C-alpha atoms as a PDB file:
ATOM      1  CA  MET A   1     107.109  38.510 112.479  1.00  0.00           C
ATOM      2  CA  SER A   2     103.382  38.416 112.856  1.00  0.00           C
ATOM      3  CA  THR A   3     100.680  38.200 110.218  1.00  0.00           C
ATOM      4  CA  THR A   4      97.230  39.808 110.354  1.00  0.00           C
ATOM      5  CA  LEU A   5      94.421  38.064 108.435  1.00  0.00           C
ATOM      6  CA  THR A   6      91.871  40.400 106.856  1.00  0.00           C
ATOM      7  CA  MET A   7      89.396  37.508 106.414  1.00  0.00           C
ATOM      8  CA  CYS A   8      89.292  33.708 106.711  1.00  0.00           C
ATOM      9  CA  PHE A   9      86.743  31.888 104.625  1.00  0.00           C
ATOM     10  CA  GLU A  10      85.089  28.536 105.167  1.00  0.00           C
ATOM     11  CA  GLY A  11      85.791  25.759 102.733  1.00  0.00           C
ATOM     12  CA  ASP A  12      82.386  26.041 101.099  1.00  0.00           C
ATOM     13  CA  ALA A  13      82.657  29.806 100.453  1.00  0.00           C
ATOM     14  CA  SER A  14      81.692  30.804  96.999  1.00  0.00           C
ATOM     15  CA  SER A  15      83.877  32.887  94.637  1.00  0.00           C
ATOM     16  CA  GLN A  16      81.206  35.525  94.900  1.00  0.00           C
ATOM     17  CA  GLU A  17      81.674  35.727  98.646  1.00  0.00           C
ATOM     18  CA  VAL A  18      85.450  36.017  98.186  1.00  0.00           C
ATOM     19  CA  TYR A  19      85.018  38.725  95.537  1.00  0.00           C
ATOM     20  CA  ASP A  20      82.623  40.709  97.585  1.00  0.00           C
ATOM     21  CA  ARG A  21      84.889  40.829 100.705  1.00  0.00           C
ATOM     22  CA  MET A  22      88.290  41.016  99.075  1.00  0.00           C
ATOM     23  CA  ALA A  23      88.172  42.432  95.585  1.00  0.00           C
ATOM     24  CA  GLU A  24      85.047  44.457  94.915  1.00  0.00           C
ATOM     25  CA  SER A  25      86.216  47.634  96.616  1.00  0.00           C
ATOM     26  CA  ILE A  26      89.541  47.504  94.822  1.00  0.00           C
ATOM     27  CA  VAL A  27      87.797  47.212  91.456  1.00  0.00           C
ATOM     28  CA  TRP A  28      85.482  50.116  92.123  1.00  0.00           C
ATOM     29  CA  SER A  29      88.363  52.196  93.446  1.00  0.00           C
ATOM     30  CA  CYS A  30      90.142  51.634  90.047  1.00  0.00           C
ATOM     31  CA  MET A  31      87.133  52.950  88.257  1.00  0.00           C
ATOM     32  CA  ASP A  32      87.390  56.009  90.510  1.00  0.00           C
ATOM     33  CA  GLY A  33      90.947  56.657  89.292  1.00  0.00           C
ATOM     34  CA  PHE A  34      93.100  54.703  91.739  1.00  0.00           C
ATOM     35  CA  ASN A  35      95.486  51.829  90.816  1.00  0.00           C
ATOM     36  CA  GLY A  36      94.837  48.441  92.251  1.00  0.00           C
ATOM     37  CA  THR A  37      96.004  44.787  92.322  1.00  0.00           C
ATOM     38  CA  VAL A  38      94.337  41.511  93.319  1.00  0.00           C
ATOM     39  CA  PHE A  39      96.412  38.384  93.405  1.00  0.00           C
ATOM     40  CA  ALA A  40      96.127  34.752  94.470  1.00  0.00           C
ATOM     41  CA  TYR A  41      99.154  33.112  96.142  1.00  0.00           C
ATOM     42  CA  GLY A  42      99.640  29.566  97.507  1.00  0.00           C
ATOM     43  CA  GLN A  43     100.686  25.999  96.935  1.00  0.00           C
ATOM     44  CA  THR A  44      99.930  24.117  93.734  1.00  0.00           C
ATOM     45  CA  GLY A  45      96.462  22.568  94.016  1.00  0.00           C
ATOM     46  CA  SER A  46      95.250  25.041  96.650  1.00  0.00           C
ATOM     47  CA  GLY A  47      92.716  26.595  94.309  1.00  0.00           C
ATOM     48  CA  LYS A  48      94.396  29.840  93.073  1.00  0.00           C
ATOM     49  CA  THR A  49      93.398  29.519  89.387  1.00  0.00           C
ATOM     50  CA  TYR A  50      90.066  28.317  90.268  1.00  0.00           C
ATOM     51  CA  THR A  51      89.442  31.297  92.515  1.00  0.00           C
ATOM     52  CA  ILE A  52      90.690  33.658  89.791  1.00  0.00           C
ATOM     53  CA  LYS A  53      88.930  32.047  86.826  1.00  0.00           C
ATOM     54  CA  GLY A  54      86.096  30.025  88.388  1.00  0.00           C
ATOM     55  CA  GLN A  55      83.600  28.102  86.335  1.00  0.00           C
ATOM     56  CA  ARG A  56      80.396  28.947  84.498  1.00  0.00           C
ATOM     57  CA  ARG A  57      78.133  28.202  87.588  1.00  0.00           C
ATOM     58  CA  ASN A  58      80.653  29.813  89.978  1.00  0.00           C
ATOM     59  CA  PRO A  59      82.608  32.539  88.193  1.00  0.00           C
ATOM     60  CA  GLY A  60      85.856  33.530  89.666  1.00  0.00           C
ATOM     61  CA  ILE A  61      87.486  36.923  90.404  1.00  0.00           C
ATOM     62  CA  ILE A  62      88.193  37.889  86.767  1.00  0.00           C
ATOM     63  CA  PRO A  63      84.731  37.290  85.415  1.00  0.00           C
ATOM     64  CA  LEU A  64      83.180  38.991  88.447  1.00  0.00           C
ATOM     65  CA  THR A  65      85.556  41.906  87.950  1.00  0.00           C
ATOM     66  CA  VAL A  66      84.679  42.230  84.341  1.00  0.00           C
ATOM     67  CA  GLN A  67      80.932  42.322  85.080  1.00  0.00           C
ATOM     68  CA  ASP A  68      81.559  44.989  87.700  1.00  0.00           C
ATOM     69  CA  LEU A  69      83.536  47.235  85.363  1.00  0.00           C
ATOM     70  CA  PHE A  70      80.735  47.492  82.942  1.00  0.00           C
ATOM     71  CA  THR A  71      78.161  47.771  85.663  1.00  0.00           C
ATOM     72  CA  TYR A  72      79.990  50.778  86.942  1.00  0.00           C
ATOM     73  CA  ILE A  73      80.047  52.229  83.453  1.00  0.00           C
ATOM     74  CA  ARG A  74      76.315  51.903  83.133  1.00  0.00           C
ATOM     75  CA  LYS A  75      75.768  53.476  86.517  1.00  0.00           C
ATOM     76  CA  THR A  76      78.031  56.414  85.645  1.00  0.00           C
ATOM     77  CA  PRO A  77      76.420  58.090  82.575  1.00  0.00           C
ATOM     78  CA  GLU A  78      78.032  61.476  83.294  1.00  0.00           C
ATOM     79  CA  ARG A  79      81.528  60.030  82.320  1.00  0.00           C
ATOM     80  CA  GLU A  80      82.886  58.581  79.079  1.00  0.00           C
ATOM     81  CA  PHE A  81      85.068  55.376  79.525  1.00  0.00           C
ATOM     82  CA  LEU A  82      87.701  53.638  77.538  1.00  0.00           C
ATOM     83  CA  LEU A  83      88.876  50.197  78.677  1.00  0.00           C
ATOM     84  CA  ARG A  84      91.982  48.449  77.262  1.00  0.00           C
ATOM     85  CA  VAL A  85      92.895  44.915  78.415  1.00  0.00           C
ATOM     86  CA  SER A  86      96.074  42.844  78.066  1.00  0.00           C
ATOM     87  CA  TYR A  87      96.947  39.367  79.227  1.00  0.00           C
ATOM     88  CA  PHE A  88     100.497  38.137  79.764  1.00  0.00           C
ATOM     89  CA  GLU A  89     102.434  35.571  81.571  1.00  0.00           C
ATOM     90  CA  LEU A  90     105.831  35.493  83.314  1.00  0.00           C
ATOM     91  CA  TYR A  91     107.591  32.160  82.789  1.00  0.00           C
ATOM     92  CA  ASN A  92     111.236  31.603  83.726  1.00  0.00           C
ATOM     93  CA  GLU A  93     111.849  35.352  83.811  1.00  0.00           C
ATOM     94  CA  VAL A  94     110.423  35.780  80.359  1.00  0.00           C
ATOM     95  CA  ILE A  95     107.326  37.901  79.624  1.00  0.00           C
ATOM     96  CA  ASN A  96     105.092  36.415  77.014  1.00  0.00           C
ATOM     97  CA  ASP A  97     102.039  38.174  75.514  1.00  0.00           C
ATOM     98  CA  LEU A  98      99.156  35.574  75.689  1.00  0.00           C
ATOM     99  CA  LEU A  99      97.206  37.682  73.174  1.00  0.00           C
ATOM    100  CA  ASN A 100     100.004  37.626  70.683  1.00  0.00           C
ATOM    101  CA  PRO A 101     101.687  34.331  71.036  1.00  0.00           C
ATOM    102  CA  LEU A 102     103.557  34.426  67.766  1.00  0.00           C
ATOM    103  CA  GLY A 103     105.060  38.004  67.981  1.00  0.00           C
ATOM    104  CA  GLY A 104     104.830  38.661  71.621  1.00  0.00           C
ATOM    105  CA  THR A 105     107.562  36.479  73.293  1.00  0.00           C
ATOM    106  CA  ASN A 106     110.347  37.695  75.483  1.00  0.00           C
ATOM    107  CA  LEU A 107     109.026  41.117  75.885  1.00  0.00           C
ATOM    108  CA  GLN A 108     111.045  43.838  77.661  1.00  0.00           C
ATOM    109  CA  ILE A 109     110.127  46.062  80.571  1.00  0.00           C
ATOM    110  CA  ARG A 110     110.806  49.787  79.765  1.00  0.00           C
ATOM    111  CA  GLU A 111     110.449  53.055  81.688  1.00  0.00           C
ATOM    112  CA  ASN A 112     110.040  56.603  80.587  1.00  0.00           C
ATOM    113  CA  LYS A 113     108.724  59.902  81.948  1.00  0.00           C
ATOM    114  CA  LYS A 114     105.540  59.804  79.878  1.00  0.00           C
ATOM    115  CA  ARG A 115     104.368  56.178  80.425  1.00  0.00           C
ATOM    116  CA  GLY A 116     106.219  55.241  83.561  1.00  0.00           C
ATOM    117  CA  ILE A 117     107.039  51.494  83.725  1.00  0.00           C
ATOM    118  CA  TYR A 118     105.530  49.494  80.901  1.00  0.00           C
ATOM    119  CA  ILE A 119     105.981  46.394  78.863  1.00  0.00           C
ATOM    120  CA  GLU A 120     107.208  47.188  75.293  1.00  0.00           C
ATOM    121  CA  ASN A 121     105.076  45.898  72.424  1.00  0.00           C
ATOM    122  CA  LEU A 122     102.423  44.346  74.751  1.00  0.00           C
ATOM    123  CA  ARG A 123      99.187  44.025  72.898  1.00  0.00           C
ATOM    124  CA  GLU A 124      96.210  45.982  74.370  1.00  0.00           C
ATOM    125  CA  GLU A 125      92.654  45.377  73.140  1.00  0.00           C
ATOM    126  CA  VAL A 126      89.929  47.960  73.397  1.00  0.00           C
ATOM    127  CA  VAL A 127      86.833  46.261  74.763  1.00  0.00           C
ATOM    128  CA  LEU A 128      83.155  47.304  74.768  1.00  0.00           C
ATOM    129  CA  SER A 129      81.448  44.393  76.597  1.00  0.00           C
ATOM    130  CA  PRO A 130      81.930  41.691  79.206  1.00  0.00           C
ATOM    131  CA  GLU A 131      81.442  39.075  76.548  1.00  0.00           C
ATOM    132  CA  GLN A 132      84.329  40.529  74.486  1.00  0.00           C
ATOM    133  CA  VAL A 133      86.671  40.622  77.381  1.00  0.00           C
ATOM    134  CA  LEU A 134      85.967  36.967  78.342  1.00  0.00           C
ATOM    135  CA  SER A 135      86.368  35.837  74.742  1.00  0.00           C
ATOM    136  CA  ILE A 136      89.817  37.461  74.571  1.00  0.00           C
ATOM    137  CA  LEU A 137      90.903  35.921  77.898  1.00  0.00           C
ATOM    138  CA  SER A 138      89.725  32.523  76.837  1.00  0.00           C
ATOM    139  CA  ALA A 139      91.890  32.750  73.666  1.00  0.00           C
ATOM    140  CA  GLY A 140      94.899  33.905  75.652  1.00  0.00           C
ATOM    141  CA  GLU A 141      94.437  31.221  78.213  1.00  0.00           C
ATOM    142  CA  SER A 142      95.101  28.512  75.644  1.00  0.00           C
ATOM    143  CA  HIS A 143      98.711  29.775  75.314  1.00  0.00           C
ATOM    144  CA  ARG A 144      99.586  29.684  79.083  1.00  0.00           C
ATOM    145  CA  HIS A 145     102.315  27.255  80.275  1.00  0.00           C
ATOM    146  CA  VAL A 146     100.872  24.416  82.306  1.00  0.00           C
ATOM    147  CA  GLY A 147     102.214  21.100  83.486  1.00  0.00           C
ATOM    148  CA  ALA A 148     101.082  17.962  85.310  1.00  0.00           C
ATOM    149  CA  THR A 149     101.935  17.568  89.036  1.00  0.00           C
ATOM    150  CA  ASN A 150     100.957  15.151  91.630  1.00  0.00           C
ATOM    151  CA  PHE A 151      98.455  17.848  92.822  1.00  0.00           C
ATOM    152  CA  ASN A 152      96.947  18.820  89.489  1.00  0.00           C
ATOM    153  CA  GLU A 153      96.984  17.498  85.901  1.00  0.00           C
ATOM    154  CA  THR A 154      96.986  21.026  84.410  1.00  0.00           C
ATOM    155  CA  SER A 155      98.882  22.994  87.035  1.00  0.00           C
ATOM    156  CA  SER A 156      99.790  26.621  86.180  1.00  0.00           C
ATOM    157  CA  ARG A 157     103.420  26.802  85.661  1.00  0.00           C
ATOM    158  CA  SER A 158     103.577  30.546  84.957  1.00  0.00           C
ATOM    159  CA  HIS A 159     102.431  33.685  86.680  1.00  0.00           C
ATOM    160  CA  THR A 160      99.661  35.454  84.660  1.00  0.00           C
ATOM    161  CA  VAL A 161      98.487  39.038  84.769  1.00  0.00           C
ATOM    162  CA  PHE A 162      95.163  40.266  83.509  1.00  0.00           C
ATOM    163  CA  ARG A 163      95.617  44.067  83.101  1.00  0.00           C
ATOM    164  CA  VAL A 164      92.821  46.662  82.516  1.00  0.00           C
ATOM    165  CA  VAL A 165      93.809  50.246  81.716  1.00  0.00           C
ATOM    166  CA  ILE A 166      90.826  52.503  82.620  1.00  0.00           C
ATOM    167  CA  GLU A 167      90.494  55.963  81.038  1.00  0.00           C
ATOM    168  CA  SER A 168      87.534  58.290  81.720  1.00  0.00           C
ATOM    169  CA  LYS A 169      86.501  61.886  81.431  1.00  0.00           C
ATOM    170  CA  GLU A 170      83.315  63.961  82.089  1.00  0.00           C
ATOM    171  CA  ARG A 171      80.952  64.093  79.167  1.00  0.00           C
ATOM    172  CA  GLN A 172      81.138  67.470  77.478  1.00  0.00           C
ATOM    173  CA  GLU A 173      77.458  68.453  76.992  1.00  0.00           C
ATOM    174  CA  MET A 174      77.780  72.027  77.808  1.00  0.00           C
ATOM    175  CA  ASP A 175      77.121  75.176  75.729  1.00  0.00           C
ATOM    176  CA  GLY A 176      79.469  78.056  75.547  1.00  0.00           C
ATOM    177  CA  SER A 177      77.811  79.999  78.325  1.00  0.00           C
ATOM    178  CA  GLU A 178      79.214  77.703  80.955  1.00  0.00           C
ATOM    179  CA  GLY A 179      82.799  78.960  80.445  1.00  0.00           C
ATOM    180  CA  ALA A 180      86.074  77.694  79.240  1.00  0.00           C
ATOM    181  CA  GLU A 181      87.217  76.779  82.700  1.00  0.00           C
ATOM    182  CA  ARG A 182      84.517  74.089  83.229  1.00  0.00           C
ATOM    183  CA  ARG A 183      85.039  72.727  79.697  1.00  0.00           C
ATOM    184  CA  ARG A 184      88.727  72.437  80.506  1.00  0.00           C
ATOM    185  CA  LYS A 185      87.997  70.393  83.642  1.00  0.00           C
ATOM    186  CA  ALA A 186      85.569  68.161  81.797  1.00  0.00           C
ATOM    187  CA  ALA A 187      88.301  67.291  79.260  1.00  0.00           C
ATOM    188  CA  ALA A 188      90.792  66.120  81.924  1.00  0.00           C
ATOM    189  CA  VAL A 189      91.297  62.345  81.588  1.00  0.00           C
ATOM    190  CA  ARG A 190      91.387  60.139  84.568  1.00  0.00           C
ATOM    191  CA  LEU A 191      93.750  57.100  84.195  1.00  0.00           C
ATOM    192  CA  SER A 192      94.236  54.096  86.320  1.00  0.00           C
ATOM    193  CA  VAL A 193      95.324  50.471  86.127  1.00  0.00           C
ATOM    194  CA  LEU A 194      93.870  47.249  87.574  1.00  0.00           C
ATOM    195  CA  ASN A 195      95.869  44.110  87.700  1.00  0.00           C
ATOM    196  CA  VAL A 196      94.504  40.602  88.539  1.00  0.00           C
ATOM    197  CA  ILE A 197      97.408  38.188  89.046  1.00  0.00           C
ATOM    198  CA  ASP A 198      97.372  34.348  89.250  1.00  0.00           C
ATOM    199  CA  LEU A 199     100.721  33.185  90.682  1.00  0.00           C
ATOM    200  CA  ALA A 200     102.148  29.786  89.992  1.00  0.00           C
ATOM    201  CA  GLY A 201     102.478  27.381  92.889  1.00  0.00           C
ATOM    202  CA  SER A 202     104.683  28.724  95.860  1.00  0.00           C
ATOM    203  CA  GLU A 203     105.827  25.338  97.167  1.00  0.00           C
ATOM    204  CA  LYS A 204     109.324  24.033  96.955  1.00  0.00           C
ATOM    205  CA  PHE A 205     109.388  22.479  93.525  1.00  0.00           C
ATOM    206  CA  ASP A 206     111.664  19.536  94.469  1.00  0.00           C
ATOM    207  CA  ARG A 207     108.839  18.355  96.658  1.00  0.00           C
ATOM    208  CA  THR A 208     106.182  18.506  94.014  1.00  0.00           C
ATOM    209  CA  GLU A 209     106.481  15.703  91.524  1.00  0.00           C
ATOM    210  CA  GLY A 210     106.351  16.969  87.881  1.00  0.00           C
ATOM    211  CA  ALA A 211     106.703  20.650  88.851  1.00  0.00           C
ATOM    212  CA  LYS A 212     110.384  21.031  89.052  1.00  0.00           C
ATOM    213  CA  LYS A 213     111.157  20.880  85.385  1.00  0.00           C
ATOM    214  CA  ASN A 214     108.363  23.315  84.410  1.00  0.00           C
ATOM    215  CA  SER A 215     108.718  25.564  87.460  1.00  0.00           C
ATOM    216  CA  PRO A 216     109.030  29.381  86.947  1.00  0.00           C
ATOM    217  CA  LYS A 217     112.308  30.789  88.166  1.00  0.00           C
ATOM    218  CA  ARG A 218     112.080  33.372  90.852  1.00  0.00           C
ATOM    219  CA  GLY A 219     114.149  36.305  89.805  1.00  0.00           C
ATOM    220  CA  ARG A 220     114.160  39.983  88.839  1.00  0.00           C
ATOM    221  CA  VAL A 221     110.916  39.861  86.963  1.00  0.00           C
ATOM    222  CA  TYR A 222     109.061  38.022  89.698  1.00  0.00           C
END
């Protein structure tokens, strides 16, 4: 089996460079109505969570994504947008809602014709600004499972998913003379989903001191 690399970055590459080359086009496609996913995978201590979250001086994939979502909205005045965000973790095959830590544990995956595959009772927050999104994520992050390993004192022990549901439609600023057909098309809602995923360490847990007892099971949910 062969592997093709899309891009290989130098060690001093910034999160902005990684985002621009690997994630930006996916984010903008989601705003155009396509579903998309960005995820970080690798060994504990390799920088997955840092790449996804970043720091204030070097924001990661999620903060850059959030900024781009609202930049797109500002540049597209002819459409109305509604953004809903959720944030959950997969830990030992259990789905926990990080935005509802008391009532959102052991959530179940469901499927029906109307919604497709979804997580039952997962909290979704309607957001109006980048600052609101980052505040919600910061609150949810405090509930994530972490544990010390010989690679990282606060290693992520669960897989987390930052999910944005994007709805949009053309603004209806037309008078009656433009006809019912055009108004009908303008009322059509475009729906897409963007997922940004931070996976827990991929190494063999018995080789990583401190990780084995807190390691996420790989099973049907994963």
